[in-house]
Amino acid sequence: MYTDWTAVALLLFTTVPLLAVVATAAFFIWQQKKKQQLR
């Protein structure tokens, strides 16, 4: 089975930074929520 590696690479290069941004944003929101709950 043949896979287009350039397409796979492009997909990874576009999704990985996006996922990283989403993960960091979610982490910061979670930290803020945790801080608010401590009050």
N, C-alpha and C. Protein backbone atom coordinates (compact mmCIF):
# COMPACT_ATOMS: atom_id res chain seq x y z
N MET A 1 0.84 -1.20 0.00
CA MET A 1 0.00 0.00 0.00
C MET A 1 0.88 1.26 0.00
N TYR A 2 0.58 2.16 -0.92
CA TYR A 2 1.39 3.36 -1.08
C TYR A 2 0.78 4.54 -0.31
N THR A 3 1.63 5.21 0.44
CA THR A 3 1.16 6.39 1.18
C THR A 3 1.94 7.62 0.72
N ASP A 4 1.22 8.73 0.54
CA ASP A 4 1.86 9.97 0.12
C ASP A 4 2.50 10.62 1.35
N TRP A 5 3.80 10.41 1.48
CA TRP A 5 4.50 10.89 2.68
C TRP A 5 4.53 12.41 2.79
N THR A 6 4.54 13.09 1.64
CA THR A 6 4.55 14.56 1.68
C THR A 6 3.25 15.08 2.28
N ALA A 7 2.14 14.43 1.91
CA ALA A 7 0.83 14.81 2.46
C ALA A 7 0.79 14.54 3.96
N VAL A 8 1.33 13.38 4.36
CA VAL A 8 1.37 13.02 5.78
C VAL A 8 2.23 14.03 6.55
N ALA A 9 3.37 14.40 5.98
CA ALA A 9 4.26 15.36 6.63
C ALA A 9 3.58 16.72 6.77
N LEU A 10 2.92 17.15 5.69
CA LEU A 10 2.21 18.43 5.73
C LEU A 10 1.12 18.41 6.79
N LEU A 11 0.39 17.31 6.85
CA LEU A 11 -0.69 17.16 7.83
C LEU A 11 -0.12 17.25 9.24
N LEU A 12 1.00 16.56 9.47
CA LEU A 12 1.63 16.58 10.79
C LEU A 12 2.12 17.99 11.14
N PHE A 13 2.76 18.65 10.16
CA PHE A 13 3.29 19.99 10.41
C PHE A 13 2.19 21.00 10.70
N THR A 14 0.98 20.75 10.19
CA THR A 14 -0.12 21.69 10.45
C THR A 14 -0.87 21.34 11.73
N THR A 15 -1.00 20.05 12.03
CA THR A 15 -1.80 19.65 13.19
C THR A 15 -1.01 19.70 14.50
N VAL A 16 0.28 19.37 14.45
CA VAL A 16 1.07 19.34 15.69
C VAL A 16 1.15 20.71 16.38
N PRO A 17 1.50 21.81 15.69
CA PRO A 17 1.52 23.12 16.37
C PRO A 17 0.13 23.52 16.86
N LEU A 18 -0.89 23.19 16.07
CA LEU A 18 -2.27 23.50 16.45
C LEU A 18 -2.62 22.79 17.75
N LEU A 19 -2.28 21.49 17.81
CA LEU A 19 -2.55 20.71 19.02
C LEU A 19 -1.78 21.26 20.22
N ALA A 20 -0.55 21.69 19.98
CA ALA A 20 0.27 22.24 21.06
C ALA A 20 -0.37 23.51 21.61
N VAL A 21 -0.85 24.37 20.71
CA VAL A 21 -1.50 25.62 21.13
C VAL A 21 -2.76 25.32 21.92
N VAL A 22 -3.57 24.38 21.42
CA VAL A 22 -4.81 24.01 22.11
C VAL A 22 -4.50 23.42 23.48
N ALA A 23 -3.47 22.58 23.55
CA ALA A 23 -3.10 21.94 24.81
C ALA A 23 -2.63 22.98 25.83
N THR A 24 -1.81 23.94 25.40
CA THR A 24 -1.32 24.96 26.33
C THR A 24 -2.47 25.86 26.79
N ALA A 25 -3.37 26.21 25.87
CA ALA A 25 -4.52 27.04 26.23
C ALA A 25 -5.39 26.32 27.25
N ALA A 26 -5.67 25.05 26.99
CA ALA A 26 -6.50 24.26 27.91
C ALA A 26 -5.81 24.15 29.27
N PHE A 27 -4.49 24.00 29.27
CA PHE A 27 -3.74 23.89 30.52
C PHE A 27 -3.83 25.18 31.34
N PHE A 28 -3.69 26.33 30.66
CA PHE A 28 -3.77 27.61 31.35
C PHE A 28 -5.16 27.84 31.93
N ILE A 29 -6.21 27.50 31.16
CA ILE A 29 -7.58 27.63 31.64
C ILE A 29 -7.80 26.74 32.86
N TRP A 30 -7.27 25.50 32.78
CA TRP A 30 -7.41 24.55 33.89
C TRP A 30 -6.71 25.08 35.15
N GLN A 31 -5.52 25.68 34.96
CA GLN A 31 -4.79 26.24 36.08
C GLN A 31 -5.58 27.38 36.73
N GLN A 32 -6.18 28.23 35.90
CA GLN A 32 -6.98 29.35 36.41
C GLN A 32 -8.18 28.84 37.19
N LYS A 33 -8.83 27.81 36.67
CA LYS A 33 -9.99 27.23 37.34
C LYS A 33 -9.58 26.63 38.68
N LYS A 34 -8.42 25.97 38.70
CA LYS A 34 -7.93 25.35 39.93
C LYS A 34 -7.64 26.43 40.97
N LYS A 35 -7.08 27.55 40.54
CA LYS A 35 -6.78 28.65 41.46
C LYS A 35 -8.06 29.25 42.04
N GLN A 36 -9.08 29.36 41.20
CA GLN A 36 -10.35 29.92 41.66
C GLN A 36 -11.03 29.00 42.67
N GLN A 37 -10.88 27.69 42.48
CA GLN A 37 -11.52 26.73 43.38
C GLN A 37 -10.87 26.75 44.77
N LEU A 38 -9.59 27.10 44.84
CA LEU A 38 -8.89 27.12 46.12
C LEU A 38 -9.41 28.21 47.05
N ARG A 39 -9.96 29.27 46.48
CA ARG A 39 -10.46 30.39 47.25
C ARG A 39 -11.60 30.00 48.19
